[in-house]
Amino acid sequence: MTVLVVEGETRLAASLVKGFTEEGFTADSVSTARQALARVAAGGIRALVLDLGLPDGDGQTVIIEIRRLSEVPILVLSARDAMEPRIAALNGGADDYLVKPFAFAELLARLRATLRRAEPKPPVQFSAGGIVLVSGSPVVTIEGRPVTLSPRERALVELLVARLGIIVPRRDILREAFGYDFDPGTNIVEVHMGHVRRKLNGTRLRIETVRGYGYRACEVG
């Protein structure tokens, strides 16, 4: 399985491939979006290190196209440090975002962290307040009735139920349920939490807002 560097700057691409290889990875590089999509479609890619500034395509569009083909982890490289492209890349399906220039040691650490998160984990069953969910399954059983949640809704429920009765800080929710290692400055958590509350309405699981800090799930009744 190959770490594929998608980078239009040939010197940087060669340097990254050399660095990854020295760290024990099988690595290769391509310089265009078309080549990257072909390699992903062919399979055998462990992770993508993707520059947004490719010569033949907008990086955000490339992320979306890759996500249509595969769930391969995507670590984005970009010279753009503004909040908007970060959010767009992560919402489009990227797993991490690193601004150029960067230290290779940080890129390597982020790649390893991204790969750890992508590793399949043995299923774990959580239950509380009439809700039963198994990690890795999109279906949640509510009072014996199967309900399908979106991936982020499901991640929120699993996170809160796994820490039943404990306040989960908003920063932890952003990191673990949304993959953000920064606060995007939007109400993304609140919006998805509202969806979850509506779907869990009538159950014995209550999600409490701890204003200015985070959320807590509790069993009632």
N, C-alpha and C. Protein backbone atom coordinates (compact mmCIF):
# COMPACT_ATOMS: atom_id res chain seq x y z
N MET A 1 0.85 -1.20 0.00
CA MET A 1 0.00 0.00 0.00
C MET A 1 0.88 1.25 0.00
N THR A 2 0.53 2.20 -0.85
CA THR A 2 1.40 3.33 -1.13
C THR A 2 0.85 4.64 -0.57
N VAL A 3 1.74 5.45 0.00
CA VAL A 3 1.41 6.84 0.31
C VAL A 3 1.68 7.63 -0.96
N LEU A 4 0.63 8.20 -1.54
CA LEU A 4 0.76 8.90 -2.81
C LEU A 4 0.82 10.41 -2.58
N VAL A 5 1.91 11.01 -2.99
CA VAL A 5 2.08 12.46 -2.90
C VAL A 5 1.58 13.06 -4.22
N VAL A 6 0.59 13.96 -4.12
CA VAL A 6 0.04 14.62 -5.30
C VAL A 6 0.48 16.08 -5.22
N GLU A 7 1.53 16.40 -5.93
CA GLU A 7 2.20 17.70 -5.77
C GLU A 7 2.80 18.15 -7.09
N GLY A 8 2.44 19.38 -7.51
CA GLY A 8 2.93 19.90 -8.78
C GLY A 8 4.37 20.37 -8.75
N GLU A 9 4.90 20.67 -7.57
CA GLU A 9 6.29 21.09 -7.45
C GLU A 9 7.17 19.84 -7.37
N THR A 10 7.90 19.56 -8.44
CA THR A 10 8.62 18.28 -8.54
C THR A 10 9.68 18.12 -7.45
N ARG A 11 10.36 19.20 -7.09
CA ARG A 11 11.39 19.08 -6.05
C ARG A 11 10.77 18.74 -4.71
N LEU A 12 9.68 19.41 -4.38
CA LEU A 12 9.01 19.12 -3.11
C LEU A 12 8.46 17.70 -3.11
N ALA A 13 7.86 17.28 -4.23
CA ALA A 13 7.32 15.93 -4.32
C ALA A 13 8.42 14.89 -4.10
N ALA A 14 9.56 15.09 -4.76
CA ALA A 14 10.67 14.14 -4.62
C ALA A 14 11.19 14.12 -3.19
N SER A 15 11.24 15.29 -2.56
CA SER A 15 11.71 15.37 -1.18
C SER A 15 10.77 14.63 -0.23
N LEU A 16 9.46 14.79 -0.44
CA LEU A 16 8.49 14.12 0.42
C LEU A 16 8.54 12.60 0.23
N VAL A 17 8.61 12.16 -1.02
CA VAL A 17 8.71 10.72 -1.28
C VAL A 17 9.95 10.15 -0.61
N LYS A 18 11.06 10.84 -0.72
CA LYS A 18 12.30 10.39 -0.09
C LYS A 18 12.14 10.31 1.42
N GLY A 19 11.53 11.35 2.01
CA GLY A 19 11.34 11.36 3.46
C GLY A 19 10.44 10.24 3.93
N PHE A 20 9.32 10.03 3.25
CA PHE A 20 8.41 8.95 3.64
C PHE A 20 9.08 7.59 3.50
N THR A 21 9.83 7.41 2.42
CA THR A 21 10.53 6.14 2.19
C THR A 21 11.52 5.86 3.31
N GLU A 22 12.25 6.89 3.71
CA GLU A 22 13.23 6.72 4.79
C GLU A 22 12.55 6.39 6.12
N GLU A 23 11.28 6.76 6.25
CA GLU A 23 10.53 6.46 7.48
C GLU A 23 9.80 5.13 7.40
N GLY A 24 10.05 4.36 6.34
CA GLY A 24 9.50 3.02 6.25
C GLY A 24 8.24 2.88 5.43
N PHE A 25 7.77 3.97 4.81
CA PHE A 25 6.57 3.90 3.98
C PHE A 25 6.95 3.56 2.54
N THR A 26 6.03 2.94 1.83
CA THR A 26 6.13 2.85 0.38
C THR A 26 5.49 4.11 -0.17
N ALA A 27 6.22 4.90 -0.93
CA ALA A 27 5.72 6.20 -1.37
C ALA A 27 5.99 6.42 -2.84
N ASP A 28 5.11 7.21 -3.45
CA ASP A 28 5.25 7.56 -4.86
C ASP A 28 4.62 8.94 -5.05
N SER A 29 4.80 9.53 -6.22
CA SER A 29 4.22 10.85 -6.46
C SER A 29 3.66 10.96 -7.87
N VAL A 30 2.65 11.82 -8.00
CA VAL A 30 2.13 12.25 -9.30
C VAL A 30 1.98 13.76 -9.22
N SER A 31 1.84 14.40 -10.37
CA SER A 31 1.83 15.87 -10.38
C SER A 31 0.53 16.49 -10.83
N THR A 32 -0.47 15.67 -11.20
CA THR A 32 -1.74 16.23 -11.68
C THR A 32 -2.92 15.55 -11.01
N ALA A 33 -4.06 16.23 -11.07
CA ALA A 33 -5.29 15.68 -10.52
C ALA A 33 -5.71 14.43 -11.29
N ARG A 34 -5.57 14.48 -12.62
CA ARG A 34 -5.96 13.32 -13.45
C ARG A 34 -5.18 12.08 -13.06
N GLN A 35 -3.87 12.24 -12.86
CA GLN A 35 -3.05 11.10 -12.47
C GLN A 35 -3.46 10.58 -11.09
N ALA A 36 -3.76 11.50 -10.18
CA ALA A 36 -4.15 11.10 -8.83
C ALA A 36 -5.44 10.30 -8.85
N LEU A 37 -6.43 10.76 -9.60
CA LEU A 37 -7.71 10.05 -9.67
C LEU A 37 -7.53 8.66 -10.28
N ALA A 38 -6.67 8.56 -11.29
CA ALA A 38 -6.42 7.26 -11.91
C ALA A 38 -5.77 6.30 -10.93
N ARG A 39 -4.82 6.80 -10.14
CA ARG A 39 -4.15 5.94 -9.17
C ARG A 39 -5.11 5.49 -8.07
N VAL A 40 -5.96 6.40 -7.61
CA VAL A 40 -6.93 6.03 -6.57
C VAL A 40 -7.90 4.99 -7.12
N ALA A 41 -8.38 5.19 -8.34
CA ALA A 41 -9.32 4.25 -8.95
C ALA A 41 -8.70 2.87 -9.12
N ALA A 42 -7.40 2.82 -9.36
CA ALA A 42 -6.71 1.54 -9.54
C ALA A 42 -6.51 0.79 -8.22
N GLY A 43 -6.60 1.51 -7.10
CA GLY A 43 -6.45 0.87 -5.79
C GLY A 43 -5.00 0.82 -5.34
N GLY A 44 -4.82 0.31 -4.13
CA GLY A 44 -3.48 0.15 -3.59
C GLY A 44 -2.91 1.39 -2.93
N ILE A 45 -3.75 2.42 -2.71
CA ILE A 45 -3.29 3.65 -2.09
C ILE A 45 -3.66 3.63 -0.60
N ARG A 46 -2.66 3.84 0.23
CA ARG A 46 -2.87 3.84 1.68
C ARG A 46 -3.31 5.21 2.19
N ALA A 47 -2.75 6.26 1.61
CA ALA A 47 -3.10 7.64 1.99
C ALA A 47 -2.65 8.57 0.89
N LEU A 48 -3.31 9.73 0.81
CA LEU A 48 -2.94 10.76 -0.15
C LEU A 48 -2.43 11.98 0.59
N VAL A 49 -1.31 12.51 0.15
CA VAL A 49 -0.83 13.82 0.59
C VAL A 49 -1.05 14.74 -0.60
N LEU A 50 -2.07 15.58 -0.52
CA LEU A 50 -2.61 16.27 -1.70
C LEU A 50 -2.41 17.78 -1.62
N ASP A 51 -1.70 18.33 -2.60
CA ASP A 51 -1.56 19.78 -2.72
C ASP A 51 -2.80 20.33 -3.41
N LEU A 52 -3.37 21.40 -2.88
CA LEU A 52 -4.57 21.98 -3.49
C LEU A 52 -4.26 22.74 -4.77
N GLY A 53 -3.02 23.17 -4.96
CA GLY A 53 -2.68 23.98 -6.13
C GLY A 53 -2.17 23.18 -7.29
N LEU A 54 -2.99 22.29 -7.82
CA LEU A 54 -2.56 21.44 -8.94
C LEU A 54 -2.78 22.15 -10.27
N PRO A 55 -1.98 21.82 -11.28
CA PRO A 55 -2.06 22.55 -12.56
C PRO A 55 -3.31 22.26 -13.38
N ASP A 56 -3.97 21.15 -13.14
CA ASP A 56 -5.09 20.77 -14.01
C ASP A 56 -6.42 20.64 -13.28
N GLY A 57 -6.54 21.21 -12.09
CA GLY A 57 -7.82 21.09 -11.41
C GLY A 57 -7.82 21.78 -10.06
N ASP A 58 -8.99 22.28 -9.68
CA ASP A 58 -9.16 22.88 -8.37
C ASP A 58 -9.07 21.81 -7.30
N GLY A 59 -8.26 22.06 -6.29
CA GLY A 59 -8.03 21.06 -5.26
C GLY A 59 -9.28 20.63 -4.53
N GLN A 60 -10.21 21.57 -4.29
CA GLN A 60 -11.44 21.22 -3.58
C GLN A 60 -12.26 20.22 -4.40
N THR A 61 -12.30 20.45 -5.71
CA THR A 61 -13.03 19.53 -6.59
C THR A 61 -12.37 18.16 -6.60
N VAL A 62 -11.05 18.15 -6.58
CA VAL A 62 -10.31 16.88 -6.58
C VAL A 62 -10.65 16.07 -5.33
N ILE A 63 -10.74 16.73 -4.18
CA ILE A 63 -11.09 16.03 -2.94
C ILE A 63 -12.45 15.35 -3.09
N ILE A 64 -13.42 16.09 -3.62
CA ILE A 64 -14.77 15.53 -3.79
C ILE A 64 -14.75 14.35 -4.74
N GLU A 65 -14.00 14.47 -5.84
CA GLU A 65 -13.91 13.38 -6.81
C GLU A 65 -13.25 12.15 -6.20
N ILE A 66 -12.21 12.36 -5.40
CA ILE A 66 -11.55 11.23 -4.74
C ILE A 66 -12.52 10.55 -3.79
N ARG A 67 -13.30 11.34 -3.06
CA ARG A 67 -14.25 10.76 -2.10
C ARG A 67 -15.33 9.93 -2.80
N ARG A 68 -15.62 10.24 -4.03
CA ARG A 68 -16.58 9.42 -4.78
C ARG A 68 -16.00 8.06 -5.13
N LEU A 69 -14.68 7.99 -5.16
CA LEU A 69 -14.00 6.75 -5.53
C LEU A 69 -13.58 5.92 -4.33
N SER A 70 -13.22 6.59 -3.24
CA SER A 70 -12.54 5.88 -2.16
C SER A 70 -12.65 6.63 -0.84
N GLU A 71 -12.48 5.89 0.26
CA GLU A 71 -12.40 6.48 1.59
C GLU A 71 -10.95 6.61 2.04
N VAL A 72 -10.01 6.57 1.10
CA VAL A 72 -8.59 6.68 1.43
C VAL A 72 -8.35 7.98 2.20
N PRO A 73 -7.55 7.96 3.27
CA PRO A 73 -7.26 9.18 4.02
C PRO A 73 -6.59 10.24 3.13
N ILE A 74 -7.01 11.49 3.30
CA ILE A 74 -6.47 12.61 2.52
C ILE A 74 -5.91 13.66 3.47
N LEU A 75 -4.63 13.94 3.33
CA LEU A 75 -3.99 15.02 4.08
C LEU A 75 -3.65 16.12 3.09
N VAL A 76 -4.26 17.28 3.27
CA VAL A 76 -4.13 18.38 2.32
C VAL A 76 -2.93 19.26 2.66
N LEU A 77 -2.21 19.67 1.62
CA LEU A 77 -1.16 20.69 1.73
C LEU A 77 -1.62 21.92 0.96
N SER A 78 -1.42 23.09 1.53
CA SER A 78 -1.83 24.31 0.83
C SER A 78 -1.06 25.51 1.35
N ALA A 79 -0.83 26.46 0.46
CA ALA A 79 -0.21 27.72 0.86
C ALA A 79 -1.24 28.68 1.43
N ARG A 80 -2.51 28.32 1.35
CA ARG A 80 -3.60 29.19 1.81
C ARG A 80 -3.88 28.93 3.29
N ASP A 81 -3.67 29.97 4.10
CA ASP A 81 -3.81 29.84 5.55
C ASP A 81 -5.13 30.38 6.06
N ALA A 82 -6.00 30.87 5.16
CA ALA A 82 -7.28 31.43 5.58
C ALA A 82 -8.20 30.32 6.10
N MET A 83 -9.21 30.71 6.88
CA MET A 83 -10.12 29.74 7.46
C MET A 83 -11.00 29.07 6.41
N GLU A 84 -11.46 29.85 5.41
CA GLU A 84 -12.44 29.33 4.45
C GLU A 84 -11.94 28.10 3.68
N PRO A 85 -10.72 28.12 3.11
CA PRO A 85 -10.27 26.91 2.40
C PRO A 85 -10.06 25.72 3.32
N ARG A 86 -9.67 25.98 4.57
CA ARG A 86 -9.53 24.88 5.53
C ARG A 86 -10.87 24.18 5.72
N ILE A 87 -11.90 24.99 6.00
CA ILE A 87 -13.23 24.43 6.25
C ILE A 87 -13.75 23.72 5.01
N ALA A 88 -13.56 24.34 3.83
CA ALA A 88 -14.04 23.72 2.59
C ALA A 88 -13.38 22.38 2.34
N ALA A 89 -12.08 22.30 2.58
CA ALA A 89 -11.36 21.04 2.36
C ALA A 89 -11.83 19.96 3.32
N LEU A 90 -11.97 20.31 4.59
CA LEU A 90 -12.39 19.32 5.58
C LEU A 90 -13.84 18.89 5.36
N ASN A 91 -14.71 19.85 5.04
CA ASN A 91 -16.10 19.49 4.75
C ASN A 91 -16.21 18.69 3.47
N GLY A 92 -15.28 18.90 2.54
CA GLY A 92 -15.31 18.16 1.28
C GLY A 92 -14.85 16.72 1.40
N GLY A 93 -14.19 16.39 2.52
CA GLY A 93 -13.77 15.01 2.72
C GLY A 93 -12.33 14.82 3.12
N ALA A 94 -11.56 15.91 3.21
CA ALA A 94 -10.17 15.79 3.66
C ALA A 94 -10.12 15.42 5.14
N ASP A 95 -9.07 14.74 5.54
CA ASP A 95 -8.92 14.31 6.93
C ASP A 95 -8.04 15.26 7.75
N ASP A 96 -7.19 16.02 7.08
CA ASP A 96 -6.33 16.97 7.78
C ASP A 96 -5.86 18.01 6.78
N TYR A 97 -5.33 19.12 7.30
CA TYR A 97 -4.96 20.26 6.46
C TYR A 97 -3.70 20.88 7.05
N LEU A 98 -2.65 20.99 6.26
CA LEU A 98 -1.38 21.53 6.73
C LEU A 98 -0.95 22.66 5.79
N VAL A 99 -0.59 23.79 6.39
CA VAL A 99 -0.24 24.98 5.62
C VAL A 99 1.25 24.98 5.27
N LYS A 100 1.56 25.33 4.03
CA LYS A 100 2.94 25.50 3.59
C LYS A 100 3.45 26.88 4.01
N PRO A 101 4.71 27.02 4.32
CA PRO A 101 5.73 25.97 4.48
C PRO A 101 5.53 25.22 5.79
N PHE A 102 6.02 24.00 5.84
CA PHE A 102 5.83 23.16 7.02
C PHE A 102 7.10 22.37 7.29
N ALA A 103 7.21 21.87 8.49
CA ALA A 103 8.32 20.98 8.84
C ALA A 103 7.92 19.56 8.49
N PHE A 104 8.83 18.81 7.87
CA PHE A 104 8.50 17.44 7.50
C PHE A 104 8.10 16.62 8.72
N ALA A 105 8.71 16.89 9.87
CA ALA A 105 8.38 16.14 11.08
C ALA A 105 6.91 16.30 11.44
N GLU A 106 6.36 17.50 11.24
CA GLU A 106 4.94 17.70 11.54
C GLU A 106 4.07 16.98 10.52
N LEU A 107 4.43 17.05 9.25
CA LEU A 107 3.68 16.33 8.22
C LEU A 107 3.68 14.84 8.53
N LEU A 108 4.82 14.30 8.90
CA LEU A 108 4.93 12.88 9.21
C LEU A 108 4.04 12.51 10.40
N ALA A 109 4.06 13.35 11.44
CA ALA A 109 3.23 13.08 12.62
C ALA A 109 1.75 13.13 12.27
N ARG A 110 1.37 14.09 11.45
CA ARG A 110 -0.04 14.20 11.04
C ARG A 110 -0.45 13.01 10.17
N LEU A 111 0.44 12.58 9.28
CA LEU A 111 0.13 11.41 8.45
C LEU A 111 -0.08 10.18 9.31
N ARG A 112 0.80 9.96 10.26
CA ARG A 112 0.66 8.79 11.13
C ARG A 112 -0.62 8.86 11.95
N ALA A 113 -0.96 10.06 12.44
CA ALA A 113 -2.20 10.21 13.20
C ALA A 113 -3.42 9.94 12.32
N THR A 114 -3.38 10.43 11.08
CA THR A 114 -4.48 10.19 10.15
C THR A 114 -4.63 8.70 9.85
N LEU A 115 -3.52 8.01 9.68
CA LEU A 115 -3.57 6.57 9.41
C LEU A 115 -4.09 5.80 10.62
N ARG A 116 -3.73 6.24 11.83
CA ARG A 116 -4.24 5.57 13.03
C ARG A 116 -5.76 5.70 13.11
N ARG A 117 -6.27 6.90 12.81
CA ARG A 117 -7.72 7.11 12.87
C ARG A 117 -8.44 6.26 11.83
N ALA A 118 -7.76 5.99 10.71
CA ALA A 118 -8.39 5.24 9.63
C ALA A 118 -8.34 3.73 9.83
N GLU A 119 -7.56 3.27 10.79
CA GLU A 119 -7.44 1.83 11.01
C GLU A 119 -8.77 1.25 11.50
N PRO A 120 -9.18 0.11 10.93
CA PRO A 120 -10.42 -0.52 11.41
C PRO A 120 -10.28 -0.95 12.87
N LYS A 121 -11.31 -0.68 13.63
CA LYS A 121 -11.30 -1.03 15.05
C LYS A 121 -12.33 -2.12 15.30
N PRO A 122 -12.08 -3.01 16.26
CA PRO A 122 -13.07 -4.04 16.57
C PRO A 122 -14.36 -3.39 17.04
N PRO A 123 -15.52 -3.93 16.63
CA PRO A 123 -16.79 -3.31 17.01
C PRO A 123 -17.01 -3.32 18.52
N VAL A 124 -17.53 -2.21 19.00
CA VAL A 124 -17.86 -2.07 20.42
C VAL A 124 -19.32 -1.65 20.51
N GLN A 125 -20.08 -2.28 21.39
CA GLN A 125 -21.49 -1.93 21.56
C GLN A 125 -21.65 -0.95 22.71
N PHE A 126 -22.43 0.12 22.45
CA PHE A 126 -22.77 1.09 23.47
C PHE A 126 -24.29 1.10 23.63
N SER A 127 -24.76 1.27 24.84
CA SER A 127 -26.20 1.36 25.05
C SER A 127 -26.49 2.30 26.21
N ALA A 128 -27.56 3.08 26.04
CA ALA A 128 -28.00 3.99 27.10
C ALA A 128 -29.35 4.55 26.72
N GLY A 129 -30.25 4.64 27.69
CA GLY A 129 -31.53 5.29 27.48
C GLY A 129 -32.36 4.69 26.37
N GLY A 130 -32.27 3.38 26.16
CA GLY A 130 -33.04 2.74 25.10
C GLY A 130 -32.38 2.80 23.74
N ILE A 131 -31.15 3.31 23.70
CA ILE A 131 -30.41 3.42 22.45
C ILE A 131 -29.28 2.40 22.44
N VAL A 132 -29.16 1.67 21.34
CA VAL A 132 -28.07 0.69 21.18
C VAL A 132 -27.36 1.00 19.87
N LEU A 133 -26.04 1.12 19.94
CA LEU A 133 -25.27 1.32 18.72
C LEU A 133 -24.00 0.50 18.80
N VAL A 134 -23.55 0.06 17.64
CA VAL A 134 -22.32 -0.71 17.51
C VAL A 134 -21.36 0.11 16.68
N SER A 135 -20.15 0.32 17.18
CA SER A 135 -19.18 1.13 16.46
C SER A 135 -18.96 0.57 15.06
N GLY A 136 -18.93 1.47 14.08
CA GLY A 136 -18.72 1.07 12.70
C GLY A 136 -19.99 0.81 11.92
N SER A 137 -21.14 0.72 12.61
CA SER A 137 -22.41 0.48 11.93
C SER A 137 -23.19 1.79 11.82
N PRO A 138 -23.79 2.07 10.65
CA PRO A 138 -24.54 3.32 10.51
C PRO A 138 -25.90 3.28 11.17
N VAL A 139 -26.36 2.10 11.58
CA VAL A 139 -27.70 1.95 12.14
C VAL A 139 -27.65 2.01 13.66
N VAL A 140 -28.53 2.81 14.22
CA VAL A 140 -28.70 2.91 15.67
C VAL A 140 -30.08 2.37 16.00
N THR A 141 -30.17 1.55 17.03
CA THR A 141 -31.47 1.02 17.45
C THR A 141 -32.00 1.87 18.59
N ILE A 142 -33.19 2.42 18.40
CA ILE A 142 -33.82 3.27 19.40
C ILE A 142 -35.11 2.61 19.84
N GLU A 143 -35.13 2.17 21.11
CA GLU A 143 -36.29 1.45 21.64
C GLU A 143 -36.67 0.29 20.72
N GLY A 144 -35.67 -0.42 20.23
CA GLY A 144 -35.89 -1.57 19.37
C GLY A 144 -36.16 -1.25 17.92
N ARG A 145 -36.18 0.02 17.58
CA ARG A 145 -36.47 0.45 16.21
C ARG A 145 -35.20 0.97 15.54
N PRO A 146 -34.81 0.41 14.37
CA PRO A 146 -33.59 0.87 13.71
C PRO A 146 -33.77 2.26 13.11
N VAL A 147 -32.82 3.13 13.37
CA VAL A 147 -32.83 4.49 12.83
C VAL A 147 -31.46 4.75 12.21
N THR A 148 -31.44 5.24 10.99
CA THR A 148 -30.18 5.54 10.32
C THR A 148 -29.79 6.99 10.57
N LEU A 149 -28.59 7.18 11.09
CA LEU A 149 -28.06 8.52 11.33
C LEU A 149 -26.98 8.82 10.29
N SER A 150 -26.76 10.09 10.03
CA SER A 150 -25.64 10.48 9.18
C SER A 150 -24.34 10.14 9.90
N PRO A 151 -23.23 10.03 9.17
CA PRO A 151 -21.96 9.70 9.84
C PRO A 151 -21.63 10.64 10.99
N ARG A 152 -21.86 11.92 10.83
CA ARG A 152 -21.52 12.86 11.90
C ARG A 152 -22.51 12.77 13.06
N GLU A 153 -23.78 12.58 12.76
CA GLU A 153 -24.76 12.38 13.84
C GLU A 153 -24.41 11.14 14.64
N ARG A 154 -24.05 10.09 13.92
CA ARG A 154 -23.69 8.85 14.60
C ARG A 154 -22.45 9.02 15.46
N ALA A 155 -21.46 9.76 14.93
CA ALA A 155 -20.23 10.01 15.69
C ALA A 155 -20.53 10.79 16.96
N LEU A 156 -21.46 11.74 16.87
CA LEU A 156 -21.85 12.52 18.06
C LEU A 156 -22.49 11.62 19.11
N VAL A 157 -23.44 10.78 18.68
CA VAL A 157 -24.13 9.90 19.63
C VAL A 157 -23.14 8.95 20.27
N GLU A 158 -22.27 8.35 19.47
CA GLU A 158 -21.30 7.40 20.01
C GLU A 158 -20.37 8.07 21.02
N LEU A 159 -19.92 9.28 20.69
CA LEU A 159 -19.02 10.00 21.59
C LEU A 159 -19.69 10.32 22.91
N LEU A 160 -20.93 10.79 22.86
CA LEU A 160 -21.63 11.17 24.09
C LEU A 160 -22.04 9.96 24.92
N VAL A 161 -22.50 8.90 24.25
CA VAL A 161 -22.91 7.70 24.99
C VAL A 161 -21.70 7.01 25.61
N ALA A 162 -20.58 7.02 24.90
CA ALA A 162 -19.37 6.41 25.45
C ALA A 162 -18.90 7.13 26.71
N ARG A 163 -19.27 8.40 26.84
CA ARG A 163 -18.89 9.20 28.02
C ARG A 163 -20.14 9.61 28.80
N LEU A 164 -21.06 8.69 28.91
CA LEU A 164 -22.35 8.97 29.55
C LEU A 164 -22.15 9.63 30.92
N GLY A 165 -22.86 10.75 31.12
CA GLY A 165 -22.79 11.46 32.38
C GLY A 165 -21.60 12.39 32.52
N ILE A 166 -20.72 12.39 31.53
CA ILE A 166 -19.51 13.21 31.58
C ILE A 166 -19.64 14.35 30.57
N ILE A 167 -19.25 15.55 30.98
CA ILE A 167 -19.28 16.68 30.05
C ILE A 167 -18.17 16.50 29.01
N VAL A 168 -18.57 16.55 27.74
CA VAL A 168 -17.61 16.43 26.64
C VAL A 168 -17.34 17.83 26.10
N PRO A 169 -16.12 18.34 26.21
CA PRO A 169 -15.82 19.69 25.73
C PRO A 169 -16.07 19.83 24.23
N ARG A 170 -16.47 21.02 23.83
CA ARG A 170 -16.73 21.29 22.42
C ARG A 170 -15.50 21.01 21.56
N ARG A 171 -14.32 21.32 22.07
CA ARG A 171 -13.10 21.08 21.29
C ARG A 171 -12.90 19.59 21.02
N ASP A 172 -13.29 18.73 21.99
CA ASP A 172 -13.19 17.28 21.79
C ASP A 172 -14.19 16.82 20.74
N ILE A 173 -15.38 17.42 20.76
CA ILE A 173 -16.40 17.06 19.77
C ILE A 173 -15.92 17.45 18.37
N LEU A 174 -15.37 18.65 18.24
CA LEU A 174 -14.85 19.08 16.94
C LEU A 174 -13.77 18.14 16.43
N ARG A 175 -12.90 17.72 17.32
CA ARG A 175 -11.78 16.86 16.91
C ARG A 175 -12.25 15.44 16.60
N GLU A 176 -13.05 14.85 17.49
CA GLU A 176 -13.37 13.42 17.37
C GLU A 176 -14.54 13.13 16.45
N ALA A 177 -15.52 14.04 16.37
CA ALA A 177 -16.69 13.79 15.53
C ALA A 177 -16.59 14.47 14.17
N PHE A 178 -15.79 15.56 14.10
CA PHE A 178 -15.72 16.32 12.85
C PHE A 178 -14.33 16.33 12.23
N GLY A 179 -13.32 15.89 12.98
CA GLY A 179 -11.97 15.85 12.45
C GLY A 179 -11.27 17.19 12.41
N TYR A 180 -11.80 18.19 13.16
CA TYR A 180 -11.18 19.51 13.19
C TYR A 180 -10.23 19.60 14.38
N ASP A 181 -9.00 20.07 14.13
CA ASP A 181 -8.10 20.33 15.24
C ASP A 181 -8.05 21.82 15.55
N PHE A 182 -9.07 22.54 15.07
CA PHE A 182 -9.22 23.96 15.37
C PHE A 182 -10.72 24.26 15.39
N ASP A 183 -11.09 25.40 15.96
CA ASP A 183 -12.49 25.81 16.00
C ASP A 183 -12.79 26.60 14.73
N PRO A 184 -13.67 26.09 13.84
CA PRO A 184 -13.93 26.79 12.58
C PRO A 184 -14.71 28.08 12.75
N GLY A 185 -15.17 28.37 13.97
CA GLY A 185 -15.89 29.61 14.21
C GLY A 185 -17.30 29.60 13.66
N THR A 186 -17.89 28.41 13.48
CA THR A 186 -19.26 28.29 13.00
C THR A 186 -20.08 27.53 14.03
N ASN A 187 -21.38 27.38 13.74
CA ASN A 187 -22.26 26.64 14.64
C ASN A 187 -22.46 25.20 14.17
N ILE A 188 -21.45 24.63 13.55
CA ILE A 188 -21.57 23.29 12.98
C ILE A 188 -21.94 22.25 14.04
N VAL A 189 -21.37 22.37 15.24
CA VAL A 189 -21.69 21.41 16.30
C VAL A 189 -23.14 21.57 16.72
N GLU A 190 -23.57 22.81 16.91
CA GLU A 190 -24.93 23.06 17.37
C GLU A 190 -25.97 22.57 16.37
N VAL A 191 -25.69 22.77 15.09
CA VAL A 191 -26.63 22.33 14.05
C VAL A 191 -26.79 20.82 14.07
N HIS A 192 -25.67 20.09 14.09
CA HIS A 192 -25.75 18.63 14.10
C HIS A 192 -26.32 18.11 15.41
N MET A 193 -26.03 18.78 16.51
CA MET A 193 -26.60 18.35 17.79
C MET A 193 -28.12 18.52 17.78
N GLY A 194 -28.60 19.57 17.11
CA GLY A 194 -30.05 19.75 16.98
C GLY A 194 -30.69 18.61 16.20
N HIS A 195 -30.02 18.15 15.12
CA HIS A 195 -30.53 17.01 14.36
C HIS A 195 -30.59 15.76 15.24
N VAL A 196 -29.53 15.54 16.01
CA VAL A 196 -29.48 14.36 16.88
C VAL A 196 -30.60 14.40 17.90
N ARG A 197 -30.82 15.54 18.52
CA ARG A 197 -31.86 15.65 19.55
C ARG A 197 -33.24 15.34 18.97
N ARG A 198 -33.49 15.82 17.75
CA ARG A 198 -34.79 15.54 17.14
C ARG A 198 -34.97 14.04 16.88
N LYS A 199 -33.91 13.39 16.43
CA LYS A 199 -34.02 11.96 16.14
C LYS A 199 -34.11 11.11 17.41
N LEU A 200 -33.58 11.63 18.51
CA LEU A 200 -33.62 10.89 19.78
C LEU A 200 -34.81 11.31 20.63
N ASN A 201 -35.66 12.17 20.12
CA ASN A 201 -36.82 12.63 20.87
C ASN A 201 -37.71 11.45 21.26
N GLY A 202 -38.10 11.42 22.53
CA GLY A 202 -38.94 10.32 23.02
C GLY A 202 -38.16 9.20 23.65
N THR A 203 -36.84 9.25 23.59
CA THR A 203 -36.02 8.22 24.24
C THR A 203 -35.70 8.67 25.66
N ARG A 204 -35.02 7.81 26.39
CA ARG A 204 -34.61 8.13 27.76
C ARG A 204 -33.20 8.71 27.81
N LEU A 205 -32.70 9.11 26.65
CA LEU A 205 -31.38 9.73 26.61
C LEU A 205 -31.55 11.23 26.39
N ARG A 206 -31.04 12.00 27.30
CA ARG A 206 -31.13 13.46 27.20
C ARG A 206 -29.74 14.03 26.96
N ILE A 207 -29.65 14.93 25.99
CA ILE A 207 -28.38 15.61 25.71
C ILE A 207 -28.48 17.03 26.26
N GLU A 208 -27.67 17.31 27.25
CA GLU A 208 -27.69 18.61 27.91
C GLU A 208 -26.59 19.51 27.36
N THR A 209 -26.92 20.78 27.20
CA THR A 209 -25.92 21.77 26.80
C THR A 209 -25.29 22.37 28.05
N VAL A 210 -23.99 22.32 28.14
CA VAL A 210 -23.27 22.97 29.23
C VAL A 210 -22.70 24.25 28.62
N ARG A 211 -23.41 25.33 28.80
CA ARG A 211 -23.13 26.57 28.08
C ARG A 211 -21.67 27.02 28.25
N GLY A 212 -21.07 27.34 27.12
CA GLY A 212 -19.70 27.82 27.14
C GLY A 212 -18.65 26.73 27.26
N TYR A 213 -19.11 25.44 27.31
CA TYR A 213 -18.13 24.37 27.51
C TYR A 213 -18.35 23.20 26.57
N GLY A 214 -19.55 22.60 26.61
CA GLY A 214 -19.76 21.42 25.77
C GLY A 214 -21.12 20.79 25.99
N TYR A 215 -21.16 19.46 25.95
CA TYR A 215 -22.42 18.72 26.04
C TYR A 215 -22.23 17.49 26.93
N ARG A 216 -23.38 17.02 27.46
CA ARG A 216 -23.36 15.83 28.30
C ARG A 216 -24.62 15.02 28.02
N ALA A 217 -24.46 13.70 27.88
CA ALA A 217 -25.60 12.80 27.70
C ALA A 217 -25.93 12.14 29.04
N CYS A 218 -27.22 12.09 29.37
CA CYS A 218 -27.67 11.49 30.63
C CYS A 218 -28.91 10.64 30.36
N GLU A 219 -29.05 9.58 31.13
CA GLU A 219 -30.26 8.76 31.10
C GLU A 219 -31.28 9.36 32.04
N VAL A 220 -32.53 9.38 31.62
CA VAL A 220 -33.61 9.90 32.46
C VAL A 220 -34.72 8.85 32.55
N GLY A 221 -35.50 8.94 33.62
CA GLY A 221 -36.62 8.02 33.78
C GLY A 221 -36.22 6.64 34.22
